[in-house]
Amino acid sequence: MADCIFCRIVNKEIPSKIVYEDENVIAFDDINPQAPVHTLVVPKKHINTIMELEDYEVVSNVFKAIKKVAEIKNIDKDGFRVVVNHLSKGGQSVFHLHFHVLGGRQMLWPPG
């Protein structure tokens, strides 16, 4: 999609700090990190939201990439969180399915 910022990153029209990339997925550091490690893992195929996901191989590819990102960022042994948001009220601000990989500090649940 021409107006999708993540599609533009996939197509290298917008620069980003790429952490990992293969034929199906791209992972890059978030420009507004919420943790010391905050990397977005994005399928290259445009899917607006998790509820529009029909090809579950996309999820398999994303989780393979998440494992690679965790290793590259050295959070694979200490722990990390994976978050996906759905629609604006659920926290989704870019309507291209993406997964947040957050780590690098103690994460408390529930927050606060």
C-alpha atoms as a PDB file:
ATOM      1  CA  MET A   1       0.000   0.000   0.000  1.00  0.00           C
ATOM      2  CA  ALA A   2       1.440   3.315  -1.095  1.00  0.00           C
ATOM      3  CA  ASP A   3       0.367   5.248   2.020  1.00  0.00           C
ATOM      4  CA  CYS A   4       1.465   2.612   4.576  1.00  0.00           C
ATOM      5  CA  ILE A   5       4.617   3.660   6.433  1.00  0.00           C
ATOM      6  CA  PHE A   6       5.629   0.037   7.092  1.00  0.00           C
ATOM      7  CA  CYS A   7       5.182  -0.873   3.411  1.00  0.00           C
ATOM      8  CA  ARG A   8       7.411   2.095   2.597  1.00  0.00           C
ATOM      9  CA  ILE A   9      10.039   0.776   5.037  1.00  0.00           C
ATOM     10  CA  VAL A  10       9.743  -2.715   3.481  1.00  0.00           C
ATOM     11  CA  ASN A  11      10.313  -1.116   0.053  1.00  0.00           C
ATOM     12  CA  LYS A  12      13.296   0.886   1.414  1.00  0.00           C
ATOM     13  CA  GLU A  13      11.567   4.189   0.638  1.00  0.00           C
ATOM     14  CA  ILE A  14      11.986   5.290   4.258  1.00  0.00           C
ATOM     15  CA  PRO A  15      15.237   4.641   6.119  1.00  0.00           C
ATOM     16  CA  SER A  16      15.158   2.532   9.262  1.00  0.00           C
ATOM     17  CA  LYS A  17      17.613   0.727  11.495  1.00  0.00           C
ATOM     18  CA  ILE A  18      17.079  -2.800  10.206  1.00  0.00           C
ATOM     19  CA  VAL A  19      17.864  -5.492  12.753  1.00  0.00           C
ATOM     20  CA  TYR A  20      16.870  -8.535  10.676  1.00  0.00           C
ATOM     21  CA  GLU A  21      15.414  -9.203   7.252  1.00  0.00           C
ATOM     22  CA  ASP A  22      14.533 -12.199   5.123  1.00  0.00           C
ATOM     23  CA  GLU A  23      12.209 -12.757   2.162  1.00  0.00           C
ATOM     24  CA  ASN A  24       9.060 -12.663   4.335  1.00  0.00           C
ATOM     25  CA  VAL A  25       9.774 -10.375   7.286  1.00  0.00           C
ATOM     26  CA  ILE A  26      11.604  -7.203   8.198  1.00  0.00           C
ATOM     27  CA  ALA A  27      12.553  -6.172  11.748  1.00  0.00           C
ATOM     28  CA  PHE A  28      13.675  -2.681  12.681  1.00  0.00           C
ATOM     29  CA  ASP A  29      14.149  -0.605  15.816  1.00  0.00           C
ATOM     30  CA  ASP A  30      11.142   1.447  16.928  1.00  0.00           C
ATOM     31  CA  ILE A  31      11.671   5.209  16.574  1.00  0.00           C
ATOM     32  CA  ASN A  32       9.890   5.765  19.906  1.00  0.00           C
ATOM     33  CA  PRO A  33      11.249   2.934  22.084  1.00  0.00           C
ATOM     34  CA  GLN A  34       9.319   1.930  25.186  1.00  0.00           C
ATOM     35  CA  ALA A  35      12.157  -0.275  26.520  1.00  0.00           C
ATOM     36  CA  PRO A  36      15.940  -0.484  26.052  1.00  0.00           C
ATOM     37  CA  VAL A  37      15.242  -3.005  23.277  1.00  0.00           C
ATOM     38  CA  HIS A  38      12.155  -2.213  21.201  1.00  0.00           C
ATOM     39  CA  THR A  39      12.157  -3.791  17.762  1.00  0.00           C
ATOM     40  CA  LEU A  40       9.197  -4.111  15.416  1.00  0.00           C
ATOM     41  CA  VAL A  41       8.803  -7.325  13.436  1.00  0.00           C
ATOM     42  CA  VAL A  42       6.685  -6.762  10.341  1.00  0.00           C
ATOM     43  CA  PRO A  43       5.536  -9.208   7.680  1.00  0.00           C
ATOM     44  CA  LYS A  44       6.401  -7.868   4.247  1.00  0.00           C
ATOM     45  CA  LYS A  45       2.939  -8.818   3.026  1.00  0.00           C
ATOM     46  CA  HIS A  46       0.515  -6.032   3.926  1.00  0.00           C
ATOM     47  CA  ILE A  47      -2.152  -7.174   6.388  1.00  0.00           C
ATOM     48  CA  ASN A  48      -4.054  -4.383   8.166  1.00  0.00           C
ATOM     49  CA  THR A  49      -4.781  -6.079  11.494  1.00  0.00           C
ATOM     50  CA  ILE A  50      -4.456  -9.406  13.253  1.00  0.00           C
ATOM     51  CA  MET A  51      -8.173 -10.016  12.622  1.00  0.00           C
ATOM     52  CA  GLU A  52      -7.528  -9.919   8.867  1.00  0.00           C
ATOM     53  CA  LEU A  53      -4.833 -12.584   9.093  1.00  0.00           C
ATOM     54  CA  GLU A  54      -5.752 -15.613   6.994  1.00  0.00           C
ATOM     55  CA  ASP A  55      -2.366 -17.038   5.985  1.00  0.00           C
ATOM     56  CA  TYR A  56      -0.976 -18.484   9.217  1.00  0.00           C
ATOM     57  CA  GLU A  57       2.408 -19.118   7.629  1.00  0.00           C
ATOM     58  CA  VAL A  58       2.867 -15.372   8.170  1.00  0.00           C
ATOM     59  CA  VAL A  59       2.793 -15.974  11.937  1.00  0.00           C
ATOM     60  CA  SER A  60       5.321 -18.794  11.641  1.00  0.00           C
ATOM     61  CA  ASN A  61       7.661 -16.521   9.692  1.00  0.00           C
ATOM     62  CA  VAL A  62       7.207 -13.690  12.198  1.00  0.00           C
ATOM     63  CA  PHE A  63       8.003 -15.911  15.186  1.00  0.00           C
ATOM     64  CA  LYS A  64      11.109 -17.310  13.481  1.00  0.00           C
ATOM     65  CA  ALA A  65      12.207 -13.696  13.007  1.00  0.00           C
ATOM     66  CA  ILE A  66      11.375 -12.839  16.630  1.00  0.00           C
ATOM     67  CA  LYS A  67      13.752 -15.593  17.766  1.00  0.00           C
ATOM     68  CA  LYS A  68      16.483 -14.148  15.515  1.00  0.00           C
ATOM     69  CA  VAL A  69      15.857 -10.617  16.801  1.00  0.00           C
ATOM     70  CA  ALA A  70      16.056 -11.803  20.428  1.00  0.00           C
ATOM     71  CA  GLU A  71      19.409 -13.441  19.698  1.00  0.00           C
ATOM     72  CA  ILE A  72      20.763 -10.426  17.784  1.00  0.00           C
ATOM     73  CA  LYS A  73      19.689  -8.047  20.566  1.00  0.00           C
ATOM     74  CA  ASN A  74      21.018 -10.385  23.286  1.00  0.00           C
ATOM     75  CA  ILE A  75      17.702 -10.670  25.118  1.00  0.00           C
ATOM     76  CA  ASP A  76      17.103 -14.342  24.318  1.00  0.00           C
ATOM     77  CA  LYS A  77      18.467 -15.552  27.640  1.00  0.00           C
ATOM     78  CA  ASP A  78      17.217 -12.791  29.963  1.00  0.00           C
ATOM     79  CA  GLY A  79      13.670 -12.595  28.652  1.00  0.00           C
ATOM     80  CA  PHE A  80      11.517 -10.338  26.561  1.00  0.00           C
ATOM     81  CA  ARG A  81       7.915  -9.511  25.748  1.00  0.00           C
ATOM     82  CA  VAL A  82       6.082  -9.783  22.409  1.00  0.00           C
ATOM     83  CA  VAL A  83       3.089  -7.489  21.934  1.00  0.00           C
ATOM     84  CA  VAL A  84       0.611  -7.126  19.089  1.00  0.00           C
ATOM     85  CA  ASN A  85      -2.094  -4.458  19.198  1.00  0.00           C
ATOM     86  CA  HIS A  86      -5.457  -4.500  17.415  1.00  0.00           C
ATOM     87  CA  LEU A  87      -7.236  -1.357  16.218  1.00  0.00           C
ATOM     88  CA  SER A  88      -6.907   2.117  17.706  1.00  0.00           C
ATOM     89  CA  LYS A  89      -8.663   1.331  20.992  1.00  0.00           C
ATOM     90  CA  GLY A  90      -6.308  -1.636  21.374  1.00  0.00           C
ATOM     91  CA  GLY A  91      -3.243   0.532  20.820  1.00  0.00           C
ATOM     92  CA  GLN A  92      -2.604  -0.055  17.108  1.00  0.00           C
ATOM     93  CA  SER A  93      -1.334   3.159  15.499  1.00  0.00           C
ATOM     94  CA  VAL A  94      -0.027   1.783  12.179  1.00  0.00           C
ATOM     95  CA  PHE A  95      -2.469  -0.369  10.263  1.00  0.00           C
ATOM     96  CA  HIS A  96       0.007  -2.967   9.018  1.00  0.00           C
ATOM     97  CA  LEU A  97       0.244  -6.047  11.230  1.00  0.00           C
ATOM     98  CA  HIS A  98       3.356  -5.807  13.394  1.00  0.00           C
ATOM     99  CA  PHE A  99       4.789  -7.313  16.548  1.00  0.00           C
ATOM    100  CA  HIS A 100       6.710  -5.397  19.232  1.00  0.00           C
ATOM    101  CA  VAL A 101       9.703  -7.176  20.779  1.00  0.00           C
ATOM    102  CA  LEU A 102      10.530  -5.463  24.079  1.00  0.00           C
ATOM    103  CA  GLY A 103      13.307  -6.300  26.478  1.00  0.00           C
ATOM    104  CA  GLY A 104      16.442  -5.184  28.210  1.00  0.00           C
ATOM    105  CA  ARG A 105      14.950  -4.437  31.621  1.00  0.00           C
ATOM    106  CA  GLN A 106      12.791  -6.043  34.258  1.00  0.00           C
ATOM    107  CA  MET A 107       9.215  -5.944  33.010  1.00  0.00           C
ATOM    108  CA  LEU A 108       6.602  -6.006  35.738  1.00  0.00           C
ATOM    109  CA  TRP A 109       3.119  -7.331  35.201  1.00  0.00           C
ATOM    110  CA  PRO A 110       0.754  -5.877  35.940  1.00  0.00           C
ATOM    111  CA  PRO A 111       2.396  -2.504  35.230  1.00  0.00           C
ATOM    112  CA  GLY A 112       2.638  -0.030  38.050  1.00  0.00           C
END
